Amino acid sequence: MHFTQLTPELENAKTRTHSQWHDTTLNGMVEISYPVNLYENCQGQPWKKVTVEFGFKAGLTTLAVNTLMDVVIPGSSLVNMYAPWDVEAQCAYLDN
């Protein structure tokens, strides 16, 4: 998913990228980690674009954790016990 915020002052602004995982459980219905704080990550500056995706490393991690959980708790294969999402925020830096 991509969320884009484009205004004339952000169009040519310099950007800095901040990446982190957002952790969920029980098929994504329960959030383990706090939501991404764009104000904090962008240090009070506006954000230009936020991308949320389920990347390759997250997929491998999910496979490993869920396989282990299925061994420990038989029958849990119908439930994703852990699924991290990659969240990448592009922050704009305005020259004041």
C-alpha atoms as a PDB file:
ATOM      1  CA  MET A   1       0.000   0.000   0.000  1.00  0.00           C
ATOM      2  CA  HIS A   2       1.237   3.477  -0.802  1.00  0.00           C
ATOM      3  CA  PHE A   3       0.055   6.656   0.861  1.00  0.00           C
ATOM      4  CA  THR A   4       1.211   9.847  -0.855  1.00  0.00           C
ATOM      5  CA  GLN A   5       0.943  13.421   0.344  1.00  0.00           C
ATOM      6  CA  LEU A   6       1.837  15.895  -2.383  1.00  0.00           C
ATOM      7  CA  THR A   7       1.490  19.605  -1.990  1.00  0.00           C
ATOM      8  CA  PRO A   8       3.366  22.275  -3.961  1.00  0.00           C
ATOM      9  CA  GLU A   9       5.824  22.911  -1.114  1.00  0.00           C
ATOM     10  CA  LEU A  10       6.603  19.172  -0.755  1.00  0.00           C
ATOM     11  CA  GLU A  11       7.072  18.512  -4.464  1.00  0.00           C
ATOM     12  CA  ASN A  12      10.768  19.489  -4.625  1.00  0.00           C
ATOM     13  CA  ALA A  13      11.645  19.046  -0.956  1.00  0.00           C
ATOM     14  CA  LYS A  14      14.622  16.922   0.097  1.00  0.00           C
ATOM     15  CA  THR A  15      13.654  13.565   1.571  1.00  0.00           C
ATOM     16  CA  ARG A  16      14.955  11.174   4.175  1.00  0.00           C
ATOM     17  CA  THR A  17      13.704   7.594   4.496  1.00  0.00           C
ATOM     18  CA  HIS A  18      12.847   5.877   7.772  1.00  0.00           C
ATOM     19  CA  SER A  19      12.115   2.117   7.801  1.00  0.00           C
ATOM     20  CA  GLN A  20      10.781  -0.127  10.519  1.00  0.00           C
ATOM     21  CA  TRP A  21       8.667  -3.237  11.066  1.00  0.00           C
ATOM     22  CA  HIS A  22       5.110  -3.156  12.375  1.00  0.00           C
ATOM     23  CA  ASP A  23       4.319  -6.417  14.165  1.00  0.00           C
ATOM     24  CA  THR A  24       0.941  -8.202  14.157  1.00  0.00           C
ATOM     25  CA  THR A  25      -0.453 -11.539  15.339  1.00  0.00           C
ATOM     26  CA  LEU A  26      -3.613 -13.647  14.995  1.00  0.00           C
ATOM     27  CA  ASN A  27      -3.887 -13.194  11.220  1.00  0.00           C
ATOM     28  CA  GLY A  28      -3.160  -9.473  11.497  1.00  0.00           C
ATOM     29  CA  MET A  29      -6.110  -8.750  13.780  1.00  0.00           C
ATOM     30  CA  VAL A  30      -3.971  -7.895  16.818  1.00  0.00           C
ATOM     31  CA  GLU A  31      -1.148  -5.368  16.682  1.00  0.00           C
ATOM     32  CA  ILE A  32       1.868  -6.173  18.821  1.00  0.00           C
ATOM     33  CA  SER A  33       3.841  -2.988  18.186  1.00  0.00           C
ATOM     34  CA  TYR A  34       2.628   0.586  18.378  1.00  0.00           C
ATOM     35  CA  PRO A  35       1.524   2.240  15.126  1.00  0.00           C
ATOM     36  CA  VAL A  36       4.250   4.045  13.204  1.00  0.00           C
ATOM     37  CA  ASN A  37       4.593   7.587  14.534  1.00  0.00           C
ATOM     38  CA  LEU A  38       5.207   9.725  11.446  1.00  0.00           C
ATOM     39  CA  TYR A  39       5.574  12.923  13.478  1.00  0.00           C
ATOM     40  CA  GLU A  40       8.356  11.373  15.558  1.00  0.00           C
ATOM     41  CA  ASN A  41      10.052   9.569  12.645  1.00  0.00           C
ATOM     42  CA  CYS A  42      10.030  12.711  10.487  1.00  0.00           C
ATOM     43  CA  GLN A  43      11.107  14.909  13.424  1.00  0.00           C
ATOM     44  CA  GLY A  44       8.108  17.213  13.081  1.00  0.00           C
ATOM     45  CA  GLN A  45       8.517  17.645   9.329  1.00  0.00           C
ATOM     46  CA  PRO A  46       5.783  16.580   6.873  1.00  0.00           C
ATOM     47  CA  TRP A  47       5.835  13.152   5.253  1.00  0.00           C
ATOM     48  CA  LYS A  48       5.758  12.696   1.464  1.00  0.00           C
ATOM     49  CA  LYS A  49       5.091   8.991   1.049  1.00  0.00           C
ATOM     50  CA  VAL A  50       4.475   5.965   3.265  1.00  0.00           C
ATOM     51  CA  THR A  51       4.716   2.422   1.914  1.00  0.00           C
ATOM     52  CA  VAL A  52       3.435  -0.609   3.824  1.00  0.00           C
ATOM     53  CA  GLU A  53       4.309  -4.012   2.395  1.00  0.00           C
ATOM     54  CA  PHE A  54       4.955  -7.604   3.316  1.00  0.00           C
ATOM     55  CA  GLY A  55       8.551  -8.010   2.119  1.00  0.00           C
ATOM     56  CA  PHE A  56      10.822 -11.000   1.572  1.00  0.00           C
ATOM     57  CA  LYS A  57      12.552 -10.861   4.989  1.00  0.00           C
ATOM     58  CA  ALA A  58       9.201 -10.472   6.713  1.00  0.00           C
ATOM     59  CA  GLY A  59       7.900 -13.483   4.788  1.00  0.00           C
ATOM     60  CA  LEU A  60      10.851 -15.633   5.833  1.00  0.00           C
ATOM     61  CA  THR A  61      10.452 -14.555   9.444  1.00  0.00           C
ATOM     62  CA  THR A  62       6.729 -15.302   9.356  1.00  0.00           C
ATOM     63  CA  LEU A  63       7.359 -18.739   7.841  1.00  0.00           C
ATOM     64  CA  ALA A  64       9.969 -19.608  10.475  1.00  0.00           C
ATOM     65  CA  VAL A  65       7.886 -18.438  13.449  1.00  0.00           C
ATOM     66  CA  ASN A  66       4.661 -20.021  12.244  1.00  0.00           C
ATOM     67  CA  THR A  67       6.403 -23.333  11.443  1.00  0.00           C
ATOM     68  CA  LEU A  68       7.905 -23.384  14.939  1.00  0.00           C
ATOM     69  CA  MET A  69       4.548 -22.519  16.519  1.00  0.00           C
ATOM     70  CA  ASP A  70       2.851 -25.327  14.579  1.00  0.00           C
ATOM     71  CA  VAL A  71       5.377 -27.789  16.039  1.00  0.00           C
ATOM     72  CA  VAL A  72       4.863 -26.440  19.570  1.00  0.00           C
ATOM     73  CA  ILE A  73       1.065 -26.052  19.268  1.00  0.00           C
ATOM     74  CA  PRO A  74      -0.302 -28.605  16.779  1.00  0.00           C
ATOM     75  CA  GLY A  75      -3.219 -27.272  14.774  1.00  0.00           C
ATOM     76  CA  SER A  76      -2.098 -23.640  14.912  1.00  0.00           C
ATOM     77  CA  SER A  77      -1.331 -23.660  11.182  1.00  0.00           C
ATOM     78  CA  LEU A  78      -4.669 -21.955  10.494  1.00  0.00           C
ATOM     79  CA  VAL A  79      -3.534 -18.880  12.424  1.00  0.00           C
ATOM     80  CA  ASN A  80      -0.607 -16.573  11.640  1.00  0.00           C
ATOM     81  CA  MET A  81       0.983 -16.248  15.060  1.00  0.00           C
ATOM     82  CA  TYR A  82       3.378 -13.523  13.908  1.00  0.00           C
ATOM     83  CA  ALA A  83       3.535 -11.322  10.826  1.00  0.00           C
ATOM     84  CA  PRO A  84       5.747  -8.236  10.552  1.00  0.00           C
ATOM     85  CA  TRP A  85       5.017  -5.559   7.946  1.00  0.00           C
ATOM     86  CA  ASP A  86       7.676  -3.324   6.381  1.00  0.00           C
ATOM     87  CA  VAL A  87       6.793   0.347   6.820  1.00  0.00           C
ATOM     88  CA  GLU A  88       8.892   2.890   4.926  1.00  0.00           C
ATOM     89  CA  ALA A  89       8.234   6.586   5.428  1.00  0.00           C
ATOM     90  CA  GLN A  90       9.743   9.272   3.187  1.00  0.00           C
ATOM     91  CA  CYS A  91      10.019  12.452   5.209  1.00  0.00           C
ATOM     92  CA  ALA A  92      10.255  15.869   3.560  1.00  0.00           C
ATOM     93  CA  TYR A  93      12.687  18.469   4.853  1.00  0.00           C
ATOM     94  CA  LEU A  94      11.616  21.991   4.081  1.00  0.00           C
ATOM     95  CA  ASP A  95      14.129  24.820   3.964  1.00  0.00           C
ATOM     96  CA  ASN A  96      12.808  27.555   6.232  1.00  0.00           C
END
